[in-house]
Amino acid sequence: MAVRLQEEAFRAEYVIASLTSPPIVTLPLLCESASIDSLCRFALDLVEVFFQIVHLRLPLLNPSLFRLRLNLEGRPQQSSLKPLHPALVATVLAWGAKFSEHPLLVADRRRPSGQSHLAKALVDRARDLAESMKVHRIPNADNVVIALLIEPLQNRQYSCSHSLLIY
């Protein structure tokens, strides 16, 4: 069972990494295979979790436009829509993995630390992708949204000397 979950986690991470790597236009091709179909549903589940939980607190994206531009269902892409920024897709998937109750992520959280390695890998992937695509250096609307969404994902641990405790 543990080996099967590790294999599925690896496949899920591979597909999600390919979803967030340029070029995004190949998404419909990824989802045509039956074996990839479950991974596309996993990615869609992460997107839905993002919009159900995170979007309520940080309403920076238009959910219907995001889903249309993501185009995991393989519908013909409208020429007027530009593809989603890969770092934005990676950030949305990382947020979704942080809160998802998907069995794969729940099983991955059953560690002594209680943290999912797959969710942490997706956060790291989003951060690395944003950095490699110079999101924090090039001023445009997509990059501002990505920066605003990725900032709260950063893992910060404060020691008692850095925080003020009031009782």
N, C-alpha and C. Protein backbone atom coordinates (compact mmCIF):
# COMPACT_ATOMS: atom_id res chain seq x y z
N MET A 1 0.82 -1.19 0.00
CA MET A 1 0.00 0.00 0.00
C MET A 1 0.87 1.26 0.00
N ALA A 2 1.90 1.28 0.87
CA ALA A 2 2.78 2.45 0.95
C ALA A 2 3.54 2.65 -0.35
N VAL A 3 3.99 1.55 -0.97
CA VAL A 3 4.70 1.64 -2.24
C VAL A 3 3.78 2.19 -3.32
N ARG A 4 2.52 1.72 -3.33
CA ARG A 4 1.56 2.20 -4.32
C ARG A 4 1.30 3.70 -4.16
N LEU A 5 1.18 4.15 -2.90
CA LEU A 5 0.97 5.57 -2.65
C LEU A 5 2.19 6.39 -3.07
N GLN A 6 3.39 5.86 -2.84
CA GLN A 6 4.59 6.57 -3.27
C GLN A 6 4.66 6.66 -4.78
N GLU A 7 4.29 5.57 -5.48
CA GLU A 7 4.28 5.60 -6.94
C GLU A 7 3.25 6.61 -7.44
N GLU A 8 2.06 6.63 -6.85
CA GLU A 8 1.04 7.59 -7.26
C GLU A 8 1.48 9.01 -6.95
N ALA A 9 2.13 9.21 -5.81
CA ALA A 9 2.61 10.55 -5.47
C ALA A 9 3.65 11.01 -6.47
N PHE A 10 4.54 10.10 -6.88
CA PHE A 10 5.55 10.46 -7.88
C PHE A 10 4.88 10.82 -9.21
N ARG A 11 3.91 9.98 -9.64
CA ARG A 11 3.22 10.27 -10.89
C ARG A 11 2.46 11.58 -10.80
N ALA A 12 1.81 11.83 -9.68
CA ALA A 12 1.06 13.07 -9.50
C ALA A 12 2.00 14.27 -9.55
N GLU A 13 3.14 14.15 -8.86
CA GLU A 13 4.10 15.25 -8.87
C GLU A 13 4.64 15.47 -10.28
N TYR A 14 4.88 14.39 -11.02
CA TYR A 14 5.38 14.51 -12.39
C TYR A 14 4.37 15.23 -13.28
N VAL A 15 3.10 14.83 -13.20
CA VAL A 15 2.09 15.46 -14.04
C VAL A 15 1.88 16.91 -13.63
N ILE A 16 1.85 17.18 -12.33
CA ILE A 16 1.67 18.55 -11.89
C ILE A 16 2.86 19.39 -12.30
N ALA A 17 4.06 18.83 -12.23
CA ALA A 17 5.23 19.56 -12.69
C ALA A 17 5.12 19.85 -14.19
N SER A 18 4.61 18.88 -14.95
CA SER A 18 4.46 19.12 -16.38
C SER A 18 3.33 20.11 -16.66
N LEU A 19 2.34 20.16 -15.77
CA LEU A 19 1.27 21.14 -15.95
C LEU A 19 1.77 22.56 -15.73
N THR A 20 2.79 22.71 -14.91
CA THR A 20 3.26 24.04 -14.58
C THR A 20 4.52 24.41 -15.33
N SER A 21 4.95 23.57 -16.26
CA SER A 21 6.12 23.89 -17.06
C SER A 21 5.67 24.41 -18.41
N PRO A 22 6.37 25.39 -18.95
CA PRO A 22 6.01 25.87 -20.28
C PRO A 22 6.19 24.75 -21.29
N PRO A 23 5.47 24.64 -22.36
CA PRO A 23 4.34 25.47 -22.70
C PRO A 23 3.04 24.91 -22.13
N ILE A 24 2.20 25.74 -21.63
CA ILE A 24 0.94 25.35 -21.03
C ILE A 24 -0.07 24.88 -22.08
N VAL A 25 0.12 25.26 -23.33
CA VAL A 25 -0.83 24.91 -24.37
C VAL A 25 -0.96 23.41 -24.57
N THR A 26 -0.04 22.61 -24.08
CA THR A 26 -0.09 21.17 -24.26
C THR A 26 -0.96 20.47 -23.23
N LEU A 27 -1.66 21.21 -22.37
CA LEU A 27 -2.49 20.58 -21.34
C LEU A 27 -3.49 19.59 -21.90
N PRO A 28 -4.25 19.91 -22.96
CA PRO A 28 -5.21 18.93 -23.46
C PRO A 28 -4.54 17.62 -23.89
N LEU A 29 -3.33 17.70 -24.43
CA LEU A 29 -2.63 16.48 -24.84
C LEU A 29 -2.29 15.62 -23.64
N LEU A 30 -1.97 16.23 -22.50
CA LEU A 30 -1.65 15.47 -21.30
C LEU A 30 -2.85 14.69 -20.79
N CYS A 31 -4.05 15.23 -20.99
CA CYS A 31 -5.24 14.65 -20.39
C CYS A 31 -5.95 13.66 -21.29
N GLU A 32 -5.44 13.40 -22.48
CA GLU A 32 -6.13 12.48 -23.39
C GLU A 32 -5.97 11.03 -22.97
N SER A 33 -4.88 10.68 -22.36
CA SER A 33 -4.63 9.31 -21.96
C SER A 33 -5.49 8.94 -20.75
N ALA A 34 -5.95 7.69 -20.71
CA ALA A 34 -6.78 7.24 -19.58
C ALA A 34 -5.98 7.22 -18.28
N SER A 35 -4.69 6.87 -18.35
CA SER A 35 -3.88 6.84 -17.13
C SER A 35 -3.63 8.25 -16.60
N ILE A 36 -3.57 9.21 -17.48
CA ILE A 36 -3.34 10.60 -17.09
C ILE A 36 -4.64 11.24 -16.62
N ASP A 37 -5.77 10.66 -17.00
CA ASP A 37 -7.07 11.23 -16.66
C ASP A 37 -7.23 11.40 -15.15
N SER A 38 -6.83 10.40 -14.39
CA SER A 38 -6.97 10.51 -12.93
C SER A 38 -6.08 11.61 -12.37
N LEU A 39 -4.92 11.82 -12.97
CA LEU A 39 -4.03 12.87 -12.51
C LEU A 39 -4.56 14.25 -12.89
N CYS A 40 -5.22 14.34 -14.02
CA CYS A 40 -5.87 15.61 -14.39
C CYS A 40 -7.02 15.90 -13.44
N ARG A 41 -7.76 14.86 -13.05
CA ARG A 41 -8.82 15.06 -12.06
C ARG A 41 -8.24 15.49 -10.72
N PHE A 42 -7.06 14.95 -10.38
CA PHE A 42 -6.37 15.35 -9.15
C PHE A 42 -6.00 16.83 -9.23
N ALA A 43 -5.46 17.26 -10.35
CA ALA A 43 -5.11 18.67 -10.52
C ALA A 43 -6.35 19.55 -10.46
N LEU A 44 -7.44 19.11 -11.10
CA LEU A 44 -8.69 19.88 -11.04
C LEU A 44 -9.22 19.94 -9.61
N ASP A 45 -9.05 18.85 -8.87
CA ASP A 45 -9.46 18.85 -7.47
C ASP A 45 -8.68 19.89 -6.67
N LEU A 46 -7.39 20.00 -6.93
CA LEU A 46 -6.57 21.00 -6.24
C LEU A 46 -7.01 22.41 -6.60
N VAL A 47 -7.37 22.61 -7.86
CA VAL A 47 -7.87 23.93 -8.28
C VAL A 47 -9.18 24.25 -7.58
N GLU A 48 -10.07 23.26 -7.49
CA GLU A 48 -11.36 23.49 -6.81
C GLU A 48 -11.17 23.78 -5.33
N VAL A 49 -10.24 23.08 -4.69
CA VAL A 49 -9.96 23.34 -3.27
C VAL A 49 -9.44 24.76 -3.11
N PHE A 50 -8.57 25.19 -4.02
CA PHE A 50 -8.07 26.56 -3.97
C PHE A 50 -9.23 27.56 -4.01
N PHE A 51 -10.15 27.37 -4.95
CA PHE A 51 -11.24 28.33 -5.09
C PHE A 51 -12.25 28.23 -3.95
N GLN A 52 -12.38 27.07 -3.34
CA GLN A 52 -13.31 26.92 -2.21
C GLN A 52 -12.75 27.49 -0.92
N ILE A 53 -11.45 27.44 -0.73
CA ILE A 53 -10.87 27.83 0.56
C ILE A 53 -10.06 29.12 0.45
N VAL A 54 -9.06 29.13 -0.40
CA VAL A 54 -8.13 30.25 -0.45
C VAL A 54 -8.75 31.47 -1.13
N HIS A 55 -9.48 31.23 -2.21
CA HIS A 55 -10.06 32.34 -2.97
C HIS A 55 -11.01 33.18 -2.12
N LEU A 56 -11.66 32.57 -1.14
CA LEU A 56 -12.56 33.33 -0.27
C LEU A 56 -11.79 34.35 0.55
N ARG A 57 -10.55 34.05 0.88
CA ARG A 57 -9.73 34.96 1.68
C ARG A 57 -8.86 35.88 0.83
N LEU A 58 -8.46 35.40 -0.33
CA LEU A 58 -7.64 36.18 -1.26
C LEU A 58 -8.30 36.17 -2.64
N PRO A 59 -9.34 36.94 -2.85
CA PRO A 59 -10.08 36.88 -4.13
C PRO A 59 -9.37 37.65 -5.24
N LEU A 60 -8.27 37.09 -5.71
CA LEU A 60 -7.45 37.75 -6.72
C LEU A 60 -7.68 37.23 -8.13
N LEU A 61 -8.36 36.10 -8.26
CA LEU A 61 -8.56 35.47 -9.57
C LEU A 61 -10.04 35.34 -9.87
N ASN A 62 -10.36 35.33 -11.15
CA ASN A 62 -11.71 35.06 -11.61
C ASN A 62 -11.80 33.54 -11.81
N PRO A 63 -12.58 32.83 -10.97
CA PRO A 63 -12.60 31.36 -11.05
C PRO A 63 -13.00 30.81 -12.42
N SER A 64 -14.05 31.35 -13.03
CA SER A 64 -14.49 30.79 -14.31
C SER A 64 -13.48 31.07 -15.41
N LEU A 65 -12.87 32.25 -15.41
CA LEU A 65 -11.85 32.56 -16.41
C LEU A 65 -10.60 31.72 -16.20
N PHE A 66 -10.23 31.48 -14.94
CA PHE A 66 -9.07 30.64 -14.65
C PHE A 66 -9.30 29.23 -15.18
N ARG A 67 -10.47 28.65 -14.89
CA ARG A 67 -10.76 27.29 -15.36
C ARG A 67 -10.79 27.22 -16.88
N LEU A 68 -11.34 28.26 -17.52
CA LEU A 68 -11.39 28.29 -18.98
C LEU A 68 -9.98 28.35 -19.57
N ARG A 69 -9.14 29.19 -18.98
CA ARG A 69 -7.77 29.32 -19.48
C ARG A 69 -6.92 28.10 -19.14
N LEU A 70 -7.23 27.41 -18.05
CA LEU A 70 -6.48 26.20 -17.69
C LEU A 70 -6.73 25.09 -18.70
N ASN A 71 -8.00 24.92 -19.10
CA ASN A 71 -8.38 24.03 -20.20
C ASN A 71 -7.90 22.60 -20.02
N LEU A 72 -8.16 22.02 -18.85
CA LEU A 72 -7.80 20.61 -18.64
C LEU A 72 -8.77 19.65 -19.31
N GLU A 73 -9.95 20.14 -19.67
CA GLU A 73 -10.93 19.26 -20.30
C GLU A 73 -10.62 19.01 -21.78
N GLY A 74 -9.69 19.77 -22.35
CA GLY A 74 -9.29 19.55 -23.73
C GLY A 74 -10.20 20.20 -24.76
N ARG A 75 -11.01 21.17 -24.32
CA ARG A 75 -11.86 21.89 -25.28
C ARG A 75 -10.99 22.76 -26.17
N PRO A 76 -11.48 23.11 -27.37
CA PRO A 76 -10.69 24.00 -28.23
C PRO A 76 -10.43 25.33 -27.53
N GLN A 77 -9.19 25.75 -27.55
CA GLN A 77 -8.79 26.99 -26.87
C GLN A 77 -9.23 28.19 -27.70
N GLN A 78 -9.85 29.16 -27.04
CA GLN A 78 -10.22 30.39 -27.72
C GLN A 78 -8.96 31.19 -27.99
N SER A 79 -8.84 31.70 -29.21
CA SER A 79 -7.62 32.41 -29.59
C SER A 79 -7.46 33.71 -28.82
N SER A 80 -8.56 34.27 -28.32
CA SER A 80 -8.46 35.54 -27.61
C SER A 80 -7.94 35.36 -26.18
N LEU A 81 -7.93 34.13 -25.67
CA LEU A 81 -7.46 33.88 -24.31
C LEU A 81 -5.98 33.54 -24.31
N LYS A 82 -5.22 34.27 -23.52
CA LYS A 82 -3.81 33.91 -23.40
C LYS A 82 -3.68 32.78 -22.37
N PRO A 83 -2.72 31.91 -22.54
CA PRO A 83 -2.56 30.80 -21.58
C PRO A 83 -2.16 31.33 -20.22
N LEU A 84 -2.45 30.55 -19.19
CA LEU A 84 -2.10 30.93 -17.82
C LEU A 84 -0.59 30.92 -17.62
N HIS A 85 -0.14 31.80 -16.77
CA HIS A 85 1.28 31.85 -16.42
C HIS A 85 1.61 30.56 -15.65
N PRO A 86 2.65 29.85 -16.02
CA PRO A 86 2.98 28.59 -15.34
C PRO A 86 3.17 28.74 -13.83
N ALA A 87 3.74 29.84 -13.38
CA ALA A 87 3.93 30.04 -11.94
C ALA A 87 2.59 30.25 -11.24
N LEU A 88 1.62 30.82 -11.93
CA LEU A 88 0.29 30.99 -11.35
C LEU A 88 -0.39 29.63 -11.17
N VAL A 89 -0.28 28.78 -12.18
CA VAL A 89 -0.84 27.44 -12.08
C VAL A 89 -0.16 26.67 -10.93
N ALA A 90 1.15 26.77 -10.86
CA ALA A 90 1.89 26.08 -9.79
C ALA A 90 1.47 26.58 -8.42
N THR A 91 1.25 27.87 -8.29
CA THR A 91 0.86 28.45 -7.00
C THR A 91 -0.54 28.00 -6.60
N VAL A 92 -1.46 28.00 -7.55
CA VAL A 92 -2.83 27.55 -7.26
C VAL A 92 -2.84 26.07 -6.86
N LEU A 93 -2.07 25.25 -7.56
CA LEU A 93 -1.99 23.83 -7.22
C LEU A 93 -1.35 23.62 -5.84
N ALA A 94 -0.34 24.43 -5.52
CA ALA A 94 0.30 24.31 -4.21
C ALA A 94 -0.67 24.68 -3.08
N TRP A 95 -1.43 25.75 -3.28
CA TRP A 95 -2.44 26.12 -2.28
C TRP A 95 -3.48 25.02 -2.14
N GLY A 96 -3.92 24.46 -3.27
CA GLY A 96 -4.91 23.38 -3.22
C GLY A 96 -4.39 22.17 -2.48
N ALA A 97 -3.13 21.83 -2.70
CA ALA A 97 -2.53 20.67 -2.01
C ALA A 97 -2.42 20.91 -0.52
N LYS A 98 -2.25 22.14 -0.12
CA LYS A 98 -2.13 22.46 1.30
C LYS A 98 -3.42 22.16 2.06
N PHE A 99 -4.58 22.33 1.41
CA PHE A 99 -5.86 22.17 2.09
C PHE A 99 -6.68 20.98 1.60
N SER A 100 -6.21 20.27 0.60
CA SER A 100 -6.99 19.19 0.01
C SER A 100 -7.14 18.00 0.95
N GLU A 101 -8.29 17.35 0.85
CA GLU A 101 -8.56 16.12 1.60
C GLU A 101 -8.50 14.91 0.67
N HIS A 102 -7.79 15.05 -0.43
CA HIS A 102 -7.61 13.94 -1.36
C HIS A 102 -6.91 12.80 -0.62
N PRO A 103 -7.33 11.55 -0.84
CA PRO A 103 -6.73 10.42 -0.12
C PRO A 103 -5.21 10.33 -0.24
N LEU A 104 -4.68 10.71 -1.37
CA LEU A 104 -3.23 10.69 -1.56
C LEU A 104 -2.54 11.67 -0.62
N LEU A 105 -3.09 12.86 -0.49
CA LEU A 105 -2.50 13.86 0.39
C LEU A 105 -2.74 13.55 1.86
N VAL A 106 -3.92 12.99 2.17
CA VAL A 106 -4.21 12.59 3.55
C VAL A 106 -3.23 11.50 3.98
N ALA A 107 -2.99 10.52 3.12
CA ALA A 107 -2.04 9.45 3.44
C ALA A 107 -0.62 10.01 3.58
N ASP A 108 -0.29 11.01 2.77
CA ASP A 108 1.03 11.61 2.83
C ASP A 108 1.22 12.43 4.10
N ARG A 109 0.13 12.91 4.69
CA ARG A 109 0.22 13.68 5.94
C ARG A 109 0.35 12.80 7.17
N ARG A 110 0.22 11.49 7.02
CA ARG A 110 0.33 10.57 8.16
C ARG A 110 1.79 10.30 8.49
N ARG A 111 2.51 11.33 8.68
CA ARG A 111 3.92 11.25 9.06
C ARG A 111 4.06 11.86 10.44
N PRO A 112 5.17 11.61 11.10
CA PRO A 112 5.33 12.21 12.44
C PRO A 112 5.20 13.74 12.42
N SER A 113 5.65 14.38 11.35
CA SER A 113 5.57 15.84 11.28
C SER A 113 4.16 16.31 10.94
N GLY A 114 3.34 15.43 10.34
CA GLY A 114 1.98 15.80 9.96
C GLY A 114 1.91 16.62 8.69
N GLN A 115 3.04 16.81 8.03
CA GLN A 115 3.07 17.59 6.80
C GLN A 115 3.18 16.67 5.59
N SER A 116 2.54 17.06 4.52
CA SER A 116 2.58 16.31 3.29
C SER A 116 3.84 16.67 2.50
N HIS A 117 4.61 15.65 2.13
CA HIS A 117 5.80 15.89 1.31
C HIS A 117 5.42 16.32 -0.10
N LEU A 118 4.31 15.80 -0.59
CA LEU A 118 3.85 16.19 -1.93
C LEU A 118 3.43 17.66 -1.93
N ALA A 119 2.70 18.09 -0.90
CA ALA A 119 2.30 19.49 -0.82
C ALA A 119 3.53 20.39 -0.70
N LYS A 120 4.51 19.96 0.11
CA LYS A 120 5.74 20.74 0.25
C LYS A 120 6.49 20.81 -1.08
N ALA A 121 6.51 19.71 -1.82
CA ALA A 121 7.18 19.70 -3.13
C ALA A 121 6.49 20.66 -4.10
N LEU A 122 5.16 20.74 -4.03
CA LEU A 122 4.43 21.66 -4.91
C LEU A 122 4.68 23.11 -4.53
N VAL A 123 4.79 23.39 -3.23
CA VAL A 123 5.12 24.75 -2.79
C VAL A 123 6.52 25.12 -3.26
N ASP A 124 7.47 24.20 -3.10
CA ASP A 124 8.84 24.44 -3.54
C ASP A 124 8.88 24.65 -5.05
N ARG A 125 8.10 23.85 -5.77
CA ARG A 125 8.05 23.96 -7.24
C ARG A 125 7.48 25.32 -7.65
N ALA A 126 6.44 25.77 -6.98
CA ALA A 126 5.85 27.07 -7.29
C ALA A 126 6.86 28.19 -7.03
N ARG A 127 7.54 28.11 -5.89
CA ARG A 127 8.53 29.13 -5.55
C ARG A 127 9.69 29.13 -6.56
N ASP A 128 10.20 27.95 -6.90
CA ASP A 128 11.31 27.85 -7.85
C ASP A 128 10.90 28.34 -9.23
N LEU A 129 9.70 28.00 -9.65
CA LEU A 129 9.22 28.42 -10.96
C LEU A 129 9.04 29.93 -11.01
N ALA A 130 8.48 30.51 -9.95
CA ALA A 130 8.32 31.96 -9.89
C ALA A 130 9.68 32.65 -9.94
N GLU A 131 10.62 32.09 -9.23
CA GLU A 131 11.96 32.69 -9.23
C GLU A 131 12.63 32.56 -10.59
N SER A 132 12.52 31.40 -11.22
CA SER A 132 13.18 31.20 -12.52
C SER A 132 12.52 32.03 -13.63
N MET A 133 11.23 32.35 -13.45
CA MET A 133 10.54 33.16 -14.45
C MET A 133 10.53 34.65 -14.07
N LYS A 134 11.34 34.99 -13.07
CA LYS A 134 11.55 36.37 -12.64
C LYS A 134 10.25 37.10 -12.28
N VAL A 135 9.36 36.38 -11.61
CA VAL A 135 8.07 36.94 -11.22
C VAL A 135 8.25 38.17 -10.32
N HIS A 136 9.23 38.13 -9.44
CA HIS A 136 9.43 39.22 -8.50
C HIS A 136 10.25 40.37 -9.09
N ARG A 137 10.67 40.23 -10.36
CA ARG A 137 11.51 41.25 -10.96
C ARG A 137 10.86 41.97 -12.14
N ILE A 138 9.85 41.36 -12.73
CA ILE A 138 9.20 41.94 -13.90
C ILE A 138 7.80 42.41 -13.51
N PRO A 139 7.56 43.72 -13.57
CA PRO A 139 6.25 44.22 -13.13
C PRO A 139 5.17 44.06 -14.21
N ASN A 140 4.22 43.17 -13.96
CA ASN A 140 3.01 43.09 -14.78
C ASN A 140 1.91 42.49 -13.91
N ALA A 141 0.68 42.52 -14.40
CA ALA A 141 -0.48 42.13 -13.58
C ALA A 141 -0.39 40.68 -13.11
N ASP A 142 -0.03 39.76 -14.00
CA ASP A 142 0.08 38.35 -13.61
C ASP A 142 1.11 38.16 -12.50
N ASN A 143 2.24 38.82 -12.64
CA ASN A 143 3.31 38.66 -11.65
C ASN A 143 2.92 39.23 -10.29
N VAL A 144 2.15 40.30 -10.28
CA VAL A 144 1.69 40.85 -9.01
C VAL A 144 0.76 39.86 -8.31
N VAL A 145 -0.16 39.28 -9.06
CA VAL A 145 -1.09 38.29 -8.49
C VAL A 145 -0.32 37.08 -7.98
N ILE A 146 0.64 36.61 -8.75
CA ILE A 146 1.45 35.45 -8.33
C ILE A 146 2.20 35.78 -7.04
N ALA A 147 2.81 36.96 -7.00
CA ALA A 147 3.56 37.35 -5.80
C ALA A 147 2.66 37.44 -4.58
N LEU A 148 1.45 37.99 -4.76
CA LEU A 148 0.52 38.10 -3.64
C LEU A 148 0.03 36.74 -3.16
N LEU A 149 -0.12 35.79 -4.08
CA LEU A 149 -0.57 34.45 -3.70
C LEU A 149 0.55 33.59 -3.13
N ILE A 150 1.75 33.78 -3.62
CA ILE A 150 2.84 32.91 -3.20
C ILE A 150 3.43 33.33 -1.85
N GLU A 151 3.33 34.60 -1.52
CA GLU A 151 3.92 35.09 -0.28
C GLU A 151 3.39 34.37 0.96
N PRO A 152 2.07 34.20 1.12
CA PRO A 152 1.60 33.48 2.32
C PRO A 152 1.97 32.00 2.35
N LEU A 153 2.35 31.44 1.21
CA LEU A 153 2.76 30.02 1.17
C LEU A 153 4.14 29.80 1.77
N GLN A 154 4.93 30.85 1.85
CA GLN A 154 6.29 30.72 2.35
C GLN A 154 6.24 30.23 3.79
N ASN A 155 7.03 29.25 4.11
CA ASN A 155 7.06 28.68 5.46
C ASN A 155 7.95 29.53 6.34
N ARG A 156 7.35 30.13 7.33
CA ARG A 156 8.12 30.96 8.25
C ARG A 156 7.97 30.40 9.65
N GLN A 157 9.07 30.20 10.31
CA GLN A 157 9.04 29.74 11.70
C GLN A 157 9.70 30.81 12.54
N TYR A 158 8.94 31.34 13.47
CA TYR A 158 9.47 32.37 14.34
C TYR A 158 9.79 31.75 15.69
N SER A 159 10.93 32.10 16.19
CA SER A 159 11.27 31.66 17.54
C SER A 159 10.63 32.64 18.52
N CYS A 160 10.64 32.30 19.79
CA CYS A 160 10.02 33.15 20.81
C CYS A 160 10.69 34.50 20.88
N SER A 161 11.98 34.59 20.53
CA SER A 161 12.67 35.87 20.61
C SER A 161 12.21 36.83 19.53
N HIS A 162 11.63 36.30 18.43
CA HIS A 162 11.16 37.16 17.34
C HIS A 162 9.70 37.52 17.44
N SER A 163 9.00 36.93 18.36
CA SER A 163 7.56 37.23 18.44
C SER A 163 7.23 37.77 19.82
N LEU A 164 6.22 38.58 19.86
CA LEU A 164 5.77 39.16 21.12
C LEU A 164 4.60 38.35 21.62
N LEU A 165 4.77 37.79 22.80
CA LEU A 165 3.71 36.99 23.40
C LEU A 165 3.00 37.82 24.45
N ILE A 166 1.70 38.00 24.27
CA ILE A 166 0.92 38.78 25.22
C ILE A 166 -0.10 37.86 25.87
N TYR A 167 -0.11 37.83 27.19
CA TYR A 167 -1.05 36.99 27.92
C TYR A 167 -2.02 37.85 28.66
